[in-house]
C-alpha cells in the first residue's frame, strides 16, 4: 500500500509540475500575441508534455512551443528544420518555453522528442512537418484566443553540436603533443639539456684529436723491451734493407712500380718510443702503432703502399 501511495504522490507531483509549466507558458503567450491558437499534447503513457502555439505576433504568423519532462532531463526536444536538428534554450530541468520561433512564412519544421539515455526519437507524428501559415490561412482558424499584443523576443535556433565518439582520444593525443612541444621549446630557449653545448660535448670521442695525440709507453714498458730491441737491431737493419727492394708479387696489392715516400717508418716509431720488433708486442701495443700508421697515411706522410706493407709486418704471425 505504501508503494502505491508513493507512486500516486509522484504522479500527482509530476502532473502539477506540468500544469505549472503550461500555465506559465500560457501567460507569456497571452501577453505576446494579438491572436493565437493552442494545440496541446499530453499522454499519460509518456512522462512528458508539449504544447504548440500559432499566432499573430507583430503582424506576422509565428509558431512557438512549450515542452516539459516529468523526470528532469530524461527527455529533450529538438527542432528539425531544413534537414538539420536545432536546439533551443532550456532551463536546468530541460524544460523549454519558446514563445515564438524565428522561422519565415512558408517554412516547414518538426518538433522531435528524444530519450536522453538512448537518444531514441519518441513517436510524435502530430508535431511533424508543420508549415508556417500565411495570415489568410491563420484567419480561417477557429477557436482563436485574444491576446495583449505586447510582443516578445524571437527564439533563435542553435545548431546541435555532438562530439564524435573518438573526440576525447584525439584531444588527449593533441594535448600530449602540445605539452611535449612546449617542454622542448622551453629547453631550447634556456639552452638546457641537449641544447647545451657543454653537455653535448661531454663523453664524445674525437677521432682526429685521438690520432693527433702522442702515444707514449710508460717508462716501465720501455725498459722491459729495451734489452730485446738491442739484440735484434742487426737483424732488423738487414731486413729493412731487403724491404726497400720492391718485389712484384710479394703482397696481393703489389704493382710493377710501388709508390715510395722515402719516409723511414721504423725510425719514426722508435723516436716516438715504440718497439719496432713487432713479434714482442701485445695486441694493445700493436693497436697503438696501427693508429699511428693511420695518422701518417691520413697526413700523406707515407703512401698507401707503404702503409699496407707496414701493417702486414705489424700483424704477421
Protein backbone atom coordinates (compact mmCIF):
# COMPACT_ATOMS: atom_id res chain seq x y z
CA UNK A 1 0.00 0.00 0.00
CA UNK A 2 2.88 2.34 0.86
CA UNK A 3 4.39 1.89 -2.60
CA UNK A 4 1.09 2.63 -4.31
CA UNK A 5 0.65 5.82 -2.33
CA UNK A 6 4.23 6.86 -3.11
CA UNK A 7 3.66 6.25 -6.82
CA UNK A 8 0.43 8.23 -6.80
CA UNK A 9 2.06 11.12 -4.96
CA UNK A 10 4.90 11.20 -7.53
CA UNK A 11 2.40 11.12 -10.37
CA UNK A 12 0.42 13.99 -8.84
CA UNK A 13 3.65 15.96 -8.32
CA UNK A 14 4.67 15.42 -11.95
CA UNK A 15 1.21 16.37 -13.13
CA UNK A 16 1.22 19.54 -11.05
CA UNK A 17 4.69 20.34 -12.43
CA UNK A 18 3.41 20.00 -15.99
CA UNK A 19 0.40 22.16 -15.26
CA UNK A 20 2.62 24.81 -13.70
CA UNK A 21 4.91 24.91 -16.78
CA UNK A 22 1.98 25.09 -19.19
CA UNK A 23 0.23 27.79 -17.14
CA UNK A 24 3.38 29.95 -17.12
CA UNK A 25 3.71 29.48 -20.89
CA UNK A 26 0.05 30.42 -21.45
CA UNK A 27 0.58 33.71 -19.62
CA UNK A 28 3.59 34.57 -21.81
CA UNK A 29 1.63 33.72 -24.96
CA UNK A 30 -1.34 35.80 -23.95
CA UNK A 31 0.88 38.77 -23.25
CA UNK A 32 2.90 38.50 -26.52
CA UNK A 33 0.36 37.63 -29.28
CA UNK A 34 -2.63 39.59 -30.54
CA UNK A 35 -4.42 36.38 -31.58
CA UNK A 36 -3.33 32.77 -31.15
CA UNK A 37 -4.38 29.12 -31.23
CA UNK A 38 -3.04 26.42 -28.89
CA UNK A 39 -2.55 22.72 -29.53
CA UNK A 40 -1.62 20.54 -26.58
CA UNK A 41 -0.22 17.05 -26.47
CA UNK A 42 -0.12 15.03 -23.29
CA UNK A 43 -0.30 11.28 -23.00
CA UNK A 44 -0.37 9.53 -19.62
CA UNK A 45 1.75 6.76 -21.13
CA UNK A 46 4.64 9.18 -21.71
CA UNK A 47 6.27 11.21 -18.95
CA UNK A 48 6.49 14.41 -20.96
CA UNK A 49 4.18 17.00 -22.47
CA UNK A 50 4.28 19.54 -25.30
CA UNK A 51 2.09 22.49 -26.28
CA UNK A 52 2.17 24.30 -29.64
CA UNK A 53 1.08 27.91 -30.28
CA UNK A 54 0.24 29.50 -33.64
CA UNK A 55 -0.43 33.23 -33.55
CA UNK A 56 -0.13 36.73 -34.90
CA UNK A 57 2.94 38.40 -33.44
CA UNK A 58 3.68 41.90 -34.70
CA UNK A 59 1.76 41.33 -37.95
CA UNK A 60 3.48 38.01 -38.77
CA UNK A 61 2.39 34.46 -38.14
CA UNK A 62 4.72 32.80 -35.67
CA UNK A 63 4.93 29.37 -34.08
CA UNK A 64 6.11 28.64 -30.55
CA UNK A 65 6.04 25.67 -28.20
CA UNK A 66 6.41 24.57 -24.62
CA UNK A 67 7.95 21.27 -23.50
CA UNK A 68 8.46 19.63 -20.13
CA UNK A 69 9.54 16.24 -18.79
CA UNK A 70 8.30 14.69 -15.54
CA UNK A 71 11.80 13.38 -14.84
CA UNK A 72 14.29 16.25 -15.23
CA UNK A 73 16.39 15.91 -18.40
CA UNK A 74 15.09 12.40 -19.08
CA UNK A 75 13.83 13.67 -22.47
CA UNK A 76 14.79 16.58 -24.67
CA UNK A 77 13.20 18.37 -27.63
CA UNK A 78 14.77 19.45 -30.92
CA UNK A 79 13.54 21.48 -33.90
CA UNK A 80 14.07 19.76 -37.24
CA UNK A 81 14.43 22.42 -39.91
CA UNK A 82 15.98 22.20 -43.40
CA UNK A 83 17.35 18.69 -42.76
CA UNK A 84 19.15 19.75 -39.59
CA UNK A 85 18.48 19.44 -35.88
CA UNK A 86 18.44 22.60 -33.77
CA UNK A 87 18.32 23.10 -30.02
CA UNK A 88 16.53 25.89 -28.17
CA UNK A 89 17.25 27.43 -24.80
CA UNK A 90 16.06 25.36 -21.83
CA UNK A 91 16.21 25.55 -18.03
CA UNK A 92 18.11 23.27 -15.65
CA UNK A 93 15.37 20.60 -15.80
CA UNK A 94 15.36 20.58 -19.61
CA UNK A 95 12.01 22.40 -19.86
CA UNK A 96 11.56 24.71 -22.88
CA UNK A 97 9.35 27.78 -23.32
CA UNK A 98 9.90 29.12 -26.84
CA UNK A 99 7.33 31.87 -27.24
CA UNK A 100 8.00 32.49 -30.95
CA UNK A 101 10.45 30.79 -33.31
CA UNK A 102 12.40 32.84 -35.83
CA UNK A 103 11.14 30.99 -38.92
CA UNK A 104 9.89 32.66 -42.13
CA UNK A 105 6.42 32.17 -43.61
CA UNK A 106 6.12 29.01 -45.69
CA UNK A 107 8.92 27.17 -43.85
CA UNK A 108 8.37 23.58 -42.74
CA UNK A 109 9.66 22.27 -39.43
CA UNK A 110 9.11 19.43 -36.94
CA UNK A 111 9.25 19.12 -33.18
CA UNK A 112 11.08 15.92 -32.20
CA UNK A 113 11.41 14.44 -28.71
CA UNK A 114 14.30 12.12 -27.80
CA UNK A 115 15.10 9.79 -24.94
CA UNK A 116 18.22 11.16 -23.22
CA UNK A 117 19.59 7.72 -22.34
CA UNK A 118 19.48 6.07 -25.76
CA UNK A 119 18.96 9.16 -27.97
CA UNK A 120 15.93 7.41 -29.48
CA UNK A 121 13.19 9.50 -31.09
CA UNK A 122 9.78 9.26 -29.46
CA UNK A 123 6.64 8.76 -31.61
CA UNK A 124 5.01 12.19 -32.02
CA UNK A 125 3.52 12.46 -35.55
CA UNK A 126 1.18 15.32 -34.58
CA UNK A 127 4.07 17.81 -34.48
CA UNK A 128 5.92 16.77 -37.63
CA UNK A 129 6.13 18.68 -40.92
CA UNK A 130 4.44 21.81 -39.59
CA UNK A 131 4.15 24.56 -42.18
CA UNK A 132 4.23 28.24 -41.17
CA UNK A 133 0.80 29.60 -42.17
CA UNK A 134 0.07 32.77 -44.03
CA UNK A 135 -2.17 35.43 -42.48
CA UNK A 136 -5.05 34.32 -44.66
CA UNK A 137 -4.75 30.71 -43.53
CA UNK A 138 -4.47 31.78 -39.90
CA UNK A 139 -7.62 33.96 -40.07
CA UNK A 140 -9.60 30.94 -41.21
CA UNK A 141 -8.80 29.06 -37.99
CA UNK A 142 -11.48 28.80 -35.33
CA UNK A 143 -11.24 28.94 -31.53
CA UNK A 144 -8.69 31.74 -31.54
CA UNK A 145 -7.75 33.47 -28.29
CA UNK A 146 -7.29 37.19 -27.95
CA UNK A 147 -4.00 38.38 -26.52
CA UNK A 148 -2.48 41.59 -25.24
CA UNK A 149 -0.27 42.10 -28.33
CA UNK A 150 2.80 43.29 -26.36
CA UNK A 151 5.23 41.34 -28.48
CA UNK A 152 8.17 39.17 -27.45
CA UNK A 153 11.75 38.37 -28.44
CA UNK A 154 12.10 35.66 -31.05
CA UNK A 155 13.71 32.36 -30.03
CA UNK A 156 16.67 31.62 -32.28
CA UNK A 157 17.63 28.10 -33.21
CA UNK A 158 21.07 26.86 -32.18
CA UNK A 159 22.75 24.18 -34.35
CA UNK A 160 23.13 20.99 -32.36
CA UNK A 161 26.76 20.10 -31.73
CA UNK A 162 27.61 16.50 -30.86
CA UNK A 163 31.10 15.30 -30.15
CA UNK A 164 32.43 12.41 -32.19
CA UNK A 165 33.00 9.16 -30.22
CA UNK A 166 36.78 9.44 -30.57
CA UNK A 167 36.89 13.21 -29.88
CA UNK A 168 38.41 12.89 -26.41
CA UNK A 169 41.06 10.44 -27.66
CA UNK A 170 42.22 12.97 -30.26
CA UNK A 171 42.09 15.76 -27.70
CA UNK A 172 44.30 13.71 -25.35
CA UNK A 173 46.81 12.95 -28.13
CA UNK A 174 46.95 16.60 -29.24
CA UNK A 175 47.41 17.71 -25.61
CA UNK A 176 50.41 15.38 -25.19
CA UNK A 177 51.98 16.68 -28.43
CA UNK A 178 51.46 20.29 -27.34
CA UNK A 179 52.94 19.66 -23.88
CA UNK A 180 55.99 17.91 -25.36
CA UNK A 181 56.45 20.72 -27.87
CA UNK A 182 56.22 23.30 -25.10
CA UNK A 183 58.82 21.47 -22.98
CA UNK A 184 61.21 21.22 -25.96
CA UNK A 185 60.72 24.92 -26.72
CA UNK A 186 61.46 25.89 -23.09
CA UNK A 187 64.64 23.76 -23.09
CA UNK A 188 65.67 25.35 -26.39
CA UNK A 189 65.14 28.91 -25.15
CA UNK A 190 67.01 28.22 -21.91
CA UNK A 191 69.74 26.21 -23.67
CA UNK A 192 69.21 23.25 -21.36
CA UNK A 193 69.55 19.53 -21.92
CA UNK A 194 70.65 18.56 -25.42
CA UNK A 195 70.59 22.23 -26.43
CA UNK A 196 73.50 22.94 -24.05
CA UNK A 197 76.81 22.83 -25.99
CA UNK A 198 78.79 21.80 -22.92
CA UNK A 199 76.54 18.79 -22.30
CA UNK A 200 76.62 17.80 -25.98
CA UNK A 201 80.42 17.81 -25.98
CA UNK A 202 80.72 15.56 -22.95
CA UNK A 203 81.87 11.94 -23.49
CA UNK A 204 82.19 12.49 -27.26
CA UNK A 205 85.14 10.68 -28.87
CA UNK A 206 87.13 12.96 -31.17
CA UNK A 207 88.89 10.57 -33.59
CA UNK A 208 91.07 13.25 -35.24
CA UNK A 209 92.26 14.50 -31.90
CA UNK A 210 92.93 10.94 -30.81
CA UNK A 211 95.06 10.25 -33.87
CA UNK A 212 96.98 13.52 -33.45
CA UNK A 213 97.81 12.78 -29.83
CA UNK A 214 101.18 11.30 -28.93
CA UNK A 215 101.04 7.74 -27.62
CA UNK A 216 103.94 7.13 -25.30
CA UNK A 217 104.70 3.93 -23.43
CA UNK A 218 105.14 4.10 -19.70
CA UNK A 219 108.76 4.04 -18.62
CA UNK A 220 108.39 0.50 -17.23
CA UNK A 221 107.24 -0.88 -20.59
CA UNK A 222 110.13 0.90 -22.39
CA UNK A 223 112.73 -0.57 -20.03
CA UNK A 224 111.21 -4.02 -20.41
CA UNK A 225 111.74 -4.12 -24.15
CA UNK A 226 114.96 -2.07 -24.34
CA UNK A 227 117.29 -5.07 -23.98
CA UNK A 228 115.40 -7.16 -26.53
CA UNK A 229 115.48 -4.27 -29.01
CA UNK A 230 119.28 -4.07 -28.98
CA UNK A 231 119.57 -7.82 -29.50
CA UNK A 232 117.59 -7.76 -32.72
CA UNK A 233 118.92 -4.45 -34.06
CA UNK A 234 121.35 -6.01 -36.54
CA UNK A 235 118.76 -8.44 -37.79
CA UNK A 236 116.24 -5.60 -38.20
CA UNK A 237 118.64 -3.46 -40.24
CA UNK A 238 119.27 -6.35 -42.66
CA UNK A 239 115.51 -6.90 -43.02
CA UNK A 240 114.91 -3.19 -43.57
CA UNK A 241 117.43 -3.11 -46.44
CA UNK A 242 115.76 -6.14 -48.00
CA UNK A 243 112.32 -4.50 -47.66
CA UNK A 244 113.44 -1.46 -49.62
CA UNK A 245 113.85 -3.71 -52.66
CA UNK A 246 110.46 -3.81 -54.40
CA UNK A 247 109.34 -7.34 -55.13
CA UNK A 248 106.50 -7.99 -57.52
CA UNK A 249 104.01 -10.49 -56.13
CA UNK A 250 105.23 -10.13 -52.52
CA UNK A 251 101.81 -8.76 -51.47
CA UNK A 252 98.36 -9.12 -53.03
CA UNK A 253 98.26 -5.39 -53.78
CA UNK A 254 101.81 -5.14 -55.19
CA UNK A 255 102.28 -3.35 -58.55
CA UNK A 256 105.13 -3.22 -61.03
CA UNK A 257 106.17 0.14 -59.62
CA UNK A 258 105.23 0.76 -55.99
CA UNK A 259 104.92 4.29 -54.68
CA UNK A 260 107.53 5.26 -52.13
CA UNK A 261 107.68 8.35 -49.95
CA UNK A 262 111.19 7.80 -48.62
CA UNK A 263 109.89 8.24 -45.08
CA UNK A 264 111.59 5.99 -42.53
CA UNK A 265 108.68 4.49 -40.62
CA UNK A 266 110.81 2.38 -38.28
CA UNK A 267 112.97 5.30 -37.21
CA UNK A 268 109.89 7.46 -36.67
CA UNK A 269 108.24 4.83 -34.46
CA UNK A 270 111.39 4.32 -32.40
CA UNK A 271 111.66 8.10 -31.89
CA UNK A 272 108.09 8.02 -30.59
CA UNK A 273 109.09 5.36 -28.05
CA UNK A 274 107.62 2.29 -29.79
CA UNK A 275 109.32 -1.11 -30.04
CA UNK A 276 109.63 -1.92 -33.72
CA UNK A 277 110.20 -5.65 -33.34
CA UNK A 278 106.53 -6.42 -33.69
CA UNK A 279 106.86 -10.06 -32.58
CA UNK A 280 107.37 -8.93 -28.98
CA UNK A 281 104.34 -6.64 -28.85
CA UNK A 282 100.96 -7.31 -27.30
CA UNK A 283 97.76 -6.74 -29.23
CA UNK A 284 97.14 -3.47 -27.35
CA UNK A 285 100.58 -2.14 -28.31
CA UNK A 286 100.05 -3.15 -31.92
CA UNK A 287 96.78 -1.26 -31.93
CA UNK A 288 98.61 1.89 -30.80
CA UNK A 289 101.13 1.52 -33.63
CA UNK A 290 98.24 0.87 -36.03
CA UNK A 291 96.65 4.19 -35.06
CA UNK A 292 99.98 5.95 -35.58
CA UNK A 293 100.29 4.42 -39.07
CA UNK A 294 96.74 5.51 -39.91
CA UNK A 295 97.58 9.05 -38.89
CA UNK A 296 100.73 9.05 -41.08
CA UNK A 297 98.70 7.81 -44.05
CA UNK A 298 95.92 10.40 -43.48
CA UNK A 299 98.52 13.18 -43.35
CA UNK A 300 100.08 11.88 -46.62
CA UNK A 301 103.40 11.34 -44.83
CA UNK A 302 103.56 7.75 -46.13
CA UNK A 303 101.98 6.26 -49.23
CA UNK A 304 99.15 3.78 -49.29
CA UNK A 305 101.55 1.02 -50.39
CA UNK A 306 103.93 1.73 -47.52
CA UNK A 307 101.02 1.75 -45.09
CA UNK A 308 99.79 -1.66 -46.30
CA UNK A 309 103.28 -3.19 -46.17
CA UNK A 310 103.86 -1.93 -42.63
CA UNK A 311 100.57 -3.26 -41.26
CA UNK A 312 101.31 -6.63 -42.90
CA UNK A 313 104.56 -6.76 -40.94
CA UNK A 314 102.82 -5.49 -37.82
CA UNK A 315 100.15 -8.21 -37.76
CA UNK A 316 102.17 -11.04 -39.27
CA UNK A 317 102.26 -14.11 -37.06
